[in-house]
Amino acid sequence: MDWQSLASRLFPQGHTVHEHEQLLLGTGTVEGETVAVLGTTGHAPIGIEIALAQATAVLATVREHPGRTILILVDTQGQRLRHRDEMLGINSYMAHLGKCIDFARRQGHKVIGLVYDQALSGGFITSGLMADACFALPDATIRVMGLPAMARITKVPEERLTELAKVDPVFAPGAGNYLRMGGLQAIWEDDFAARLVAAIRDADPVDRRRALGFERGGRKLAQPVAQAVSSGAHVLPT
């Protein structure tokens, strides 16, 4: 879905969202509430310019509109793989963006992430996954690393990873698998405006992704291990 159609369905009462060089910025109105909107489009690679622009927008919202909900629309191929960005410290720029979003949450802003097209690697980690809750459209493509790249890094044959992806969501892309792992709160299939209203109403600053992943059978050890560590247990669950 293109961002213009999405924005119209999210904000039937109107919006000012606009695009500039794959960066989305603006506001929208839903049930009389103004929401700050930022994000990317066109499978944008997150370079230093977009990371800094998004961080600036978050801080401006905190400074000028205390408590305003922030909606992050995600469509990215991950961080931009250029020598220039690496030399200028793209990792620090992306970390800065993540910290600004965390700062906004600590200042009482509800932050909602929505993957409407593609979400890969660091571009997703420092945006949608920093929100109070992240959602996705059914056809969204979400993954940290493609299986061919994963095979090269782990030295596990791609055929074996393909088999594992059929039964274990950790290896498999797609919104459904991230829902099972708890990375997504829910998948939105209709009435996006009502879904957004509910997401804002139910936004919880407590990170429940481990618990959700355990309940849904997608991450079976993260929650038990965390509980064992916090309780000081010497024997972890098997």
C-alpha atoms as a PDB file:
ATOM      1  CA  MET A   1       0.000   0.000   0.000  1.00  0.00           C
ATOM      2  CA  ASP A   2       1.349   3.464  -0.865  1.00  0.00           C
ATOM      3  CA  TRP A   3       1.750   5.924   1.993  1.00  0.00           C
ATOM      4  CA  GLN A   4      -0.864   8.371   0.615  1.00  0.00           C
ATOM      5  CA  SER A   5      -3.623   5.747   0.681  1.00  0.00           C
ATOM      6  CA  LEU A   6      -2.515   4.595   4.102  1.00  0.00           C
ATOM      7  CA  ALA A   7      -2.526   8.113   5.539  1.00  0.00           C
ATOM      8  CA  SER A   8      -6.016   8.757   4.188  1.00  0.00           C
ATOM      9  CA  ARG A   9      -7.321   5.583   5.835  1.00  0.00           C
ATOM     10  CA  LEU A  10      -5.525   6.243   9.107  1.00  0.00           C
ATOM     11  CA  PHE A  11      -6.739   9.842   9.296  1.00  0.00           C
ATOM     12  CA  PRO A  12     -10.179  10.214   7.687  1.00  0.00           C
ATOM     13  CA  GLN A  13     -10.489  13.589   9.453  1.00  0.00           C
ATOM     14  CA  GLY A  14      -7.476  14.871   7.546  1.00  0.00           C
ATOM     15  CA  HIS A  15      -3.693  14.953   7.664  1.00  0.00           C
ATOM     16  CA  THR A  16      -0.700  17.096   6.646  1.00  0.00           C
ATOM     17  CA  VAL A  17       1.730  14.229   6.002  1.00  0.00           C
ATOM     18  CA  HIS A  18       4.107  14.947   3.134  1.00  0.00           C
ATOM     19  CA  GLU A  19       7.125  13.277   1.544  1.00  0.00           C
ATOM     20  CA  HIS A  20      10.548  14.770   0.936  1.00  0.00           C
ATOM     21  CA  GLU A  21      13.291  12.523  -0.415  1.00  0.00           C
ATOM     22  CA  GLN A  22      11.692   9.371   1.054  1.00  0.00           C
ATOM     23  CA  LEU A  23      11.150  11.017   4.461  1.00  0.00           C
ATOM     24  CA  LEU A  24       7.572  11.323   5.752  1.00  0.00           C
ATOM     25  CA  LEU A  25       6.650  14.086   8.183  1.00  0.00           C
ATOM     26  CA  GLY A  26       3.439  15.751   9.297  1.00  0.00           C
ATOM     27  CA  THR A  27       0.413  15.317  11.513  1.00  0.00           C
ATOM     28  CA  GLY A  28      -2.922  13.551  11.322  1.00  0.00           C
ATOM     29  CA  THR A  29      -6.225  13.835  13.140  1.00  0.00           C
ATOM     30  CA  VAL A  30      -8.144  10.841  14.446  1.00  0.00           C
ATOM     31  CA  GLU A  31     -11.221  11.198  16.678  1.00  0.00           C
ATOM     32  CA  GLY A  32     -10.250  14.804  17.320  1.00  0.00           C
ATOM     33  CA  GLU A  33      -6.721  13.951  18.493  1.00  0.00           C
ATOM     34  CA  THR A  34      -3.670  15.266  16.650  1.00  0.00           C
ATOM     35  CA  VAL A  35      -0.960  12.686  16.055  1.00  0.00           C
ATOM     36  CA  ALA A  36       2.620  13.456  15.025  1.00  0.00           C
ATOM     37  CA  VAL A  37       3.640  11.333  12.047  1.00  0.00           C
ATOM     38  CA  LEU A  38       7.132  10.478  10.859  1.00  0.00           C
ATOM     39  CA  GLY A  39       8.517   7.674   8.761  1.00  0.00           C
ATOM     40  CA  THR A  40       9.918   6.616   5.427  1.00  0.00           C
ATOM     41  CA  THR A  41       8.730   5.391   2.050  1.00  0.00           C
ATOM     42  CA  GLY A  42      10.080   3.822  -1.129  1.00  0.00           C
ATOM     43  CA  HIS A  43      12.065   1.170   0.785  1.00  0.00           C
ATOM     44  CA  ALA A  44      14.225   4.035   2.019  1.00  0.00           C
ATOM     45  CA  PRO A  45      17.797   3.265   3.088  1.00  0.00           C
ATOM     46  CA  ILE A  46      18.387   4.958   6.425  1.00  0.00           C
ATOM     47  CA  GLY A  47      21.403   7.206   6.016  1.00  0.00           C
ATOM     48  CA  ILE A  48      22.629   9.897   8.358  1.00  0.00           C
ATOM     49  CA  GLU A  49      20.266  12.497   6.853  1.00  0.00           C
ATOM     50  CA  ILE A  50      17.039  10.555   7.407  1.00  0.00           C
ATOM     51  CA  ALA A  51      18.103   9.308  10.847  1.00  0.00           C
ATOM     52  CA  LEU A  52      18.921  12.849  11.975  1.00  0.00           C
ATOM     53  CA  ALA A  53      15.752  14.306  10.427  1.00  0.00           C
ATOM     54  CA  GLN A  54      13.547  11.759  12.211  1.00  0.00           C
ATOM     55  CA  ALA A  55      15.349  12.337  15.510  1.00  0.00           C
ATOM     56  CA  THR A  56      14.894  16.093  15.057  1.00  0.00           C
ATOM     57  CA  ALA A  57      11.160  15.605  14.427  1.00  0.00           C
ATOM     58  CA  VAL A  58      10.785  13.505  17.587  1.00  0.00           C
ATOM     59  CA  LEU A  59      12.579  16.090  19.745  1.00  0.00           C
ATOM     60  CA  ALA A  60      10.543  18.925  18.198  1.00  0.00           C
ATOM     61  CA  THR A  61       7.344  17.091  19.126  1.00  0.00           C
ATOM     62  CA  VAL A  62       8.543  16.593  22.707  1.00  0.00           C
ATOM     63  CA  ARG A  63       9.517  20.260  22.973  1.00  0.00           C
ATOM     64  CA  GLU A  64       6.540  21.861  21.234  1.00  0.00           C
ATOM     65  CA  HIS A  65       3.685  19.396  21.829  1.00  0.00           C
ATOM     66  CA  PRO A  66       4.121  17.633  25.180  1.00  0.00           C
ATOM     67  CA  GLY A  67       2.252  14.336  25.375  1.00  0.00           C
ATOM     68  CA  ARG A  68       1.320  14.181  21.685  1.00  0.00           C
ATOM     69  CA  THR A  69       1.158  10.647  20.297  1.00  0.00           C
ATOM     70  CA  ILE A  70       3.852   9.801  17.735  1.00  0.00           C
ATOM     71  CA  LEU A  71       3.142   7.396  14.855  1.00  0.00           C
ATOM     72  CA  ILE A  72       6.120   5.908  12.994  1.00  0.00           C
ATOM     73  CA  LEU A  73       5.344   4.613   9.491  1.00  0.00           C
ATOM     74  CA  VAL A  74       7.978   2.053   8.503  1.00  0.00           C
ATOM     75  CA  ASP A  75       9.148   1.227   4.983  1.00  0.00           C
ATOM     76  CA  THR A  76      12.901   0.755   4.901  1.00  0.00           C
ATOM     77  CA  GLN A  77      15.551  -1.545   3.482  1.00  0.00           C
ATOM     78  CA  GLY A  78      17.714  -0.914   6.556  1.00  0.00           C
ATOM     79  CA  GLN A  79      20.717   1.292   7.046  1.00  0.00           C
ATOM     80  CA  ARG A  80      22.379   2.762   3.985  1.00  0.00           C
ATOM     81  CA  LEU A  81      25.451   0.737   3.024  1.00  0.00           C
ATOM     82  CA  ARG A  82      27.826   3.451   1.888  1.00  0.00           C
ATOM     83  CA  HIS A  83      31.414   4.131   2.854  1.00  0.00           C
ATOM     84  CA  ARG A  84      30.515   7.787   3.469  1.00  0.00           C
ATOM     85  CA  ASP A  85      27.792   6.924   5.987  1.00  0.00           C
ATOM     86  CA  GLU A  86      30.013   4.398   7.733  1.00  0.00           C
ATOM     87  CA  MET A  87      32.860   6.913   8.029  1.00  0.00           C
ATOM     88  CA  LEU A  88      30.488   9.561   9.393  1.00  0.00           C
ATOM     89  CA  GLY A  89      29.230   7.122  12.025  1.00  0.00           C
ATOM     90  CA  ILE A  90      25.823   5.924  10.797  1.00  0.00           C
ATOM     91  CA  ASN A  91      25.648   3.636  13.834  1.00  0.00           C
ATOM     92  CA  SER A  92      25.767   6.667  16.130  1.00  0.00           C
ATOM     93  CA  TYR A  93      23.092   8.498  14.137  1.00  0.00           C
ATOM     94  CA  MET A  94      20.774   5.498  14.292  1.00  0.00           C
ATOM     95  CA  ALA A  95      21.480   5.043  17.996  1.00  0.00           C
ATOM     96  CA  HIS A  96      20.644   8.726  18.465  1.00  0.00           C
ATOM     97  CA  LEU A  97      17.285   8.185  16.739  1.00  0.00           C
ATOM     98  CA  GLY A  98      16.506   5.222  18.973  1.00  0.00           C
ATOM     99  CA  LYS A  99      17.426   7.198  22.094  1.00  0.00           C
ATOM    100  CA  CYS A 100      15.249  10.132  21.013  1.00  0.00           C
ATOM    101  CA  ILE A 101      12.257   7.815  20.618  1.00  0.00           C
ATOM    102  CA  ASP A 102      12.989   6.298  24.023  1.00  0.00           C
ATOM    103  CA  PHE A 103      13.272   9.809  25.476  1.00  0.00           C
ATOM    104  CA  ALA A 104       9.869  10.722  24.047  1.00  0.00           C
ATOM    105  CA  ARG A 105       8.314   7.624  25.634  1.00  0.00           C
ATOM    106  CA  ARG A 106       9.884   8.534  28.994  1.00  0.00           C
ATOM    107  CA  GLN A 107       8.387  12.013  28.674  1.00  0.00           C
ATOM    108  CA  GLY A 108       4.890  10.550  28.397  1.00  0.00           C
ATOM    109  CA  HIS A 109       4.466  10.378  24.614  1.00  0.00           C
ATOM    110  CA  LYS A 110       2.740   7.276  23.325  1.00  0.00           C
ATOM    111  CA  VAL A 111       4.710   5.919  20.370  1.00  0.00           C
ATOM    112  CA  ILE A 112       3.091   3.578  17.841  1.00  0.00           C
ATOM    113  CA  GLY A 113       4.965   1.828  15.026  1.00  0.00           C
ATOM    114  CA  LEU A 114       3.288   0.590  11.840  1.00  0.00           C
ATOM    115  CA  VAL A 115       5.106  -1.441   9.180  1.00  0.00           C
ATOM    116  CA  TYR A 116       3.125  -0.819   6.015  1.00  0.00           C
ATOM    117  CA  ASP A 117       5.587  -2.148   3.452  1.00  0.00           C
ATOM    118  CA  GLN A 118       9.119  -3.300   4.259  1.00  0.00           C
ATOM    119  CA  ALA A 119      11.133  -3.374   7.481  1.00  0.00           C
ATOM    120  CA  LEU A 120      14.699  -4.631   7.499  1.00  0.00           C
ATOM    121  CA  SER A 121      17.537  -4.726  10.025  1.00  0.00           C
ATOM    122  CA  GLY A 122      18.736  -1.558  11.763  1.00  0.00           C
ATOM    123  CA  GLY A 123      16.230   0.700  10.036  1.00  0.00           C
ATOM    124  CA  PHE A 124      13.450  -1.215  11.807  1.00  0.00           C
ATOM    125  CA  ILE A 125      15.236  -1.763  15.112  1.00  0.00           C
ATOM    126  CA  THR A 126      15.757   1.960  15.714  1.00  0.00           C
ATOM    127  CA  SER A 127      12.246   2.984  14.652  1.00  0.00           C
ATOM    128  CA  GLY A 128       9.248   0.651  14.833  1.00  0.00           C
ATOM    129  CA  LEU A 129      10.774  -1.666  17.420  1.00  0.00           C
ATOM    130  CA  MET A 130      11.450   1.300  19.732  1.00  0.00           C
ATOM    131  CA  ALA A 131       7.721   2.079  19.949  1.00  0.00           C
ATOM    132  CA  ASP A 132       5.395   1.190  22.823  1.00  0.00           C
ATOM    133  CA  ALA A 133       3.753  -1.204  20.382  1.00  0.00           C
ATOM    134  CA  CYS A 134       4.451  -2.083  16.766  1.00  0.00           C
ATOM    135  CA  PHE A 135       1.863  -3.244  14.251  1.00  0.00           C
ATOM    136  CA  ALA A 136       1.966  -4.282  10.585  1.00  0.00           C
ATOM    137  CA  LEU A 137      -0.178  -4.714   7.522  1.00  0.00           C
ATOM    138  CA  PRO A 138      -0.660  -8.328   6.347  1.00  0.00           C
ATOM    139  CA  ASP A 139       1.599  -8.039   3.286  1.00  0.00           C
ATOM    140  CA  ALA A 140       4.448  -6.318   5.091  1.00  0.00           C
ATOM    141  CA  THR A 141       7.921  -7.764   4.591  1.00  0.00           C
ATOM    142  CA  ILE A 142       9.825  -7.951   7.868  1.00  0.00           C
ATOM    143  CA  ARG A 143      13.184  -9.563   8.426  1.00  0.00           C
ATOM    144  CA  VAL A 144      16.515  -8.902  10.049  1.00  0.00           C
ATOM    145  CA  MET A 145      18.560 -10.777   7.477  1.00  0.00           C
ATOM    146  CA  GLY A 146      17.796 -12.738   4.324  1.00  0.00           C
ATOM    147  CA  LEU A 147      18.508 -16.457   4.406  1.00  0.00           C
ATOM    148  CA  PRO A 148      21.362 -16.282   1.832  1.00  0.00           C
ATOM    149  CA  ALA A 149      23.134 -13.648   3.940  1.00  0.00           C
ATOM    150  CA  MET A 150      22.390 -15.601   7.109  1.00  0.00           C
ATOM    151  CA  ALA A 151      23.943 -18.701   5.546  1.00  0.00           C
ATOM    152  CA  ARG A 152      27.111 -16.792   4.711  1.00  0.00           C
ATOM    153  CA  ILE A 153      27.410 -15.370   8.232  1.00  0.00           C
ATOM    154  CA  THR A 154      26.519 -18.482  10.232  1.00  0.00           C
ATOM    155  CA  LYS A 155      28.106 -21.011   7.832  1.00  0.00           C
ATOM    156  CA  VAL A 156      24.879 -23.027   8.059  1.00  0.00           C
ATOM    157  CA  PRO A 157      23.800 -24.255   4.601  1.00  0.00           C
ATOM    158  CA  GLU A 158      20.982 -22.199   3.107  1.00  0.00           C
ATOM    159  CA  GLU A 159      18.976 -25.385   2.491  1.00  0.00           C
ATOM    160  CA  ARG A 160      19.081 -26.135   6.233  1.00  0.00           C
ATOM    161  CA  LEU A 161      18.013 -22.578   7.101  1.00  0.00           C
ATOM    162  CA  THR A 162      15.144 -22.855   4.613  1.00  0.00           C
ATOM    163  CA  GLU A 163      13.932 -25.984   6.389  1.00  0.00           C
ATOM    164  CA  LEU A 164      14.246 -24.320   9.796  1.00  0.00           C
ATOM    165  CA  ALA A 165      12.273 -21.325   8.540  1.00  0.00           C
ATOM    166  CA  LYS A 166       9.288 -23.585   7.908  1.00  0.00           C
ATOM    167  CA  VAL A 167       8.952 -24.459  11.599  1.00  0.00           C
ATOM    168  CA  ASP A 168      10.759 -21.696  13.511  1.00  0.00           C
ATOM    169  CA  PRO A 169       9.668 -18.050  13.117  1.00  0.00           C
ATOM    170  CA  VAL A 170      13.116 -16.819  14.202  1.00  0.00           C
ATOM    171  CA  PHE A 171      14.474 -17.830  10.789  1.00  0.00           C
ATOM    172  CA  ALA A 172      11.475 -16.803   8.698  1.00  0.00           C
ATOM    173  CA  PRO A 173      10.455 -13.387   7.345  1.00  0.00           C
ATOM    174  CA  GLY A 174       6.948 -11.973   7.274  1.00  0.00           C
ATOM    175  CA  ALA A 175       4.502 -10.207   9.556  1.00  0.00           C
ATOM    176  CA  GLY A 176       2.943 -13.464  10.769  1.00  0.00           C
ATOM    177  CA  ASN A 177       6.248 -14.769  12.075  1.00  0.00           C
ATOM    178  CA  TYR A 178       7.068 -11.519  13.876  1.00  0.00           C
ATOM    179  CA  LEU A 179       3.602 -11.644  15.405  1.00  0.00           C
ATOM    180  CA  ARG A 180       4.373 -15.121  16.788  1.00  0.00           C
ATOM    181  CA  MET A 181       7.674 -13.888  18.221  1.00  0.00           C
ATOM    182  CA  GLY A 182       5.982 -10.983  19.968  1.00  0.00           C
ATOM    183  CA  GLY A 183       7.738  -8.333  17.901  1.00  0.00           C
ATOM    184  CA  LEU A 184       4.348  -7.207  16.603  1.00  0.00           C
ATOM    185  CA  GLN A 185       1.355  -6.482  18.793  1.00  0.00           C
ATOM    186  CA  ALA A 186      -1.122  -7.277  16.027  1.00  0.00           C
ATOM    187  CA  ILE A 187      -1.692  -7.227  12.271  1.00  0.00           C
ATOM    188  CA  TRP A 188      -4.111  -4.613  10.943  1.00  0.00           C
ATOM    189  CA  GLU A 189      -6.353  -5.832   8.130  1.00  0.00           C
ATOM    190  CA  ASP A 190      -9.170  -3.291   8.127  1.00  0.00           C
ATOM    191  CA  ASP A 191     -10.521  -0.038   9.610  1.00  0.00           C
ATOM    192  CA  PHE A 192      -7.080   1.445  10.183  1.00  0.00           C
ATOM    193  CA  ALA A 193      -8.433   4.561  11.896  1.00  0.00           C
ATOM    194  CA  ALA A 194     -10.234   2.489  14.547  1.00  0.00           C
ATOM    195  CA  ARG A 195      -7.150   0.305  14.942  1.00  0.00           C
ATOM    196  CA  LEU A 196      -5.004   3.385  15.525  1.00  0.00           C
ATOM    197  CA  VAL A 197      -7.437   4.731  18.104  1.00  0.00           C
ATOM    198  CA  ALA A 198      -7.320   1.415  19.960  1.00  0.00           C
ATOM    199  CA  ALA A 199      -3.521   1.268  19.746  1.00  0.00           C
ATOM    200  CA  ILE A 200      -3.214   4.734  21.262  1.00  0.00           C
ATOM    201  CA  ARG A 201      -5.727   3.887  23.977  1.00  0.00           C
ATOM    202  CA  ASP A 202      -4.004   0.627  24.907  1.00  0.00           C
ATOM    203  CA  ALA A 203      -0.376   1.749  24.525  1.00  0.00           C
ATOM    204  CA  ASP A 204       1.685   0.355  27.397  1.00  0.00           C
ATOM    205  CA  PRO A 205       5.209   1.609  28.200  1.00  0.00           C
ATOM    206  CA  VAL A 206       6.048  -1.808  29.680  1.00  0.00           C
ATOM    207  CA  ASP A 207       7.831  -4.033  27.143  1.00  0.00           C
ATOM    208  CA  ARG A 208       5.799  -7.272  26.905  1.00  0.00           C
ATOM    209  CA  ARG A 209       7.411  -8.712  23.776  1.00  0.00           C
ATOM    210  CA  ARG A 210       9.106 -11.596  25.597  1.00  0.00           C
ATOM    211  CA  ALA A 211       5.845 -12.584  27.250  1.00  0.00           C
ATOM    212  CA  LEU A 212       3.889 -12.313  23.999  1.00  0.00           C
ATOM    213  CA  GLY A 213       6.462 -14.412  22.167  1.00  0.00           C
ATOM    214  CA  PHE A 214       6.216 -17.082  24.864  1.00  0.00           C
ATOM    215  CA  GLU A 215       2.403 -17.065  24.848  1.00  0.00           C
ATOM    216  CA  ARG A 216       2.291 -17.343  21.061  1.00  0.00           C
ATOM    217  CA  GLY A 217       4.921 -20.073  20.857  1.00  0.00           C
ATOM    218  CA  GLY A 218       7.376 -18.074  18.768  1.00  0.00           C
ATOM    219  CA  ARG A 219      10.015 -17.412  21.440  1.00  0.00           C
ATOM    220  CA  LYS A 220       9.999 -20.218  23.963  1.00  0.00           C
ATOM    221  CA  LEU A 221      13.077 -19.388  26.031  1.00  0.00           C
ATOM    222  CA  ALA A 222      13.429 -15.595  26.225  1.00  0.00           C
ATOM    223  CA  GLN A 223      10.799 -15.151  28.954  1.00  0.00           C
ATOM    224  CA  PRO A 224      11.808 -18.161  31.127  1.00  0.00           C
ATOM    225  CA  VAL A 225      15.498 -17.230  30.902  1.00  0.00           C
ATOM    226  CA  ALA A 226      14.779 -13.604  31.842  1.00  0.00           C
ATOM    227  CA  GLN A 227      12.666 -14.741  34.799  1.00  0.00           C
ATOM    228  CA  ALA A 228      15.393 -17.163  35.922  1.00  0.00           C
ATOM    229  CA  VAL A 229      18.046 -14.456  35.746  1.00  0.00           C
ATOM    230  CA  SER A 230      15.916 -11.898  37.612  1.00  0.00           C
ATOM    231  CA  SER A 231      15.110 -14.432  40.357  1.00  0.00           C
ATOM    232  CA  GLY A 232      18.742 -15.485  40.714  1.00  0.00           C
ATOM    233  CA  ALA A 233      18.001 -19.102  39.816  1.00  0.00           C
ATOM    234  CA  HIS A 234      21.038 -21.235  39.037  1.00  0.00           C
ATOM    235  CA  VAL A 235      19.184 -23.754  36.890  1.00  0.00           C
ATOM    236  CA  LEU A 236      17.416 -22.452  33.780  1.00  0.00           C
ATOM    237  CA  PRO A 237      14.228 -24.048  32.430  1.00  0.00           C
ATOM    238  CA  THR A 238      14.782 -26.817  29.870  1.00  0.00           C
END
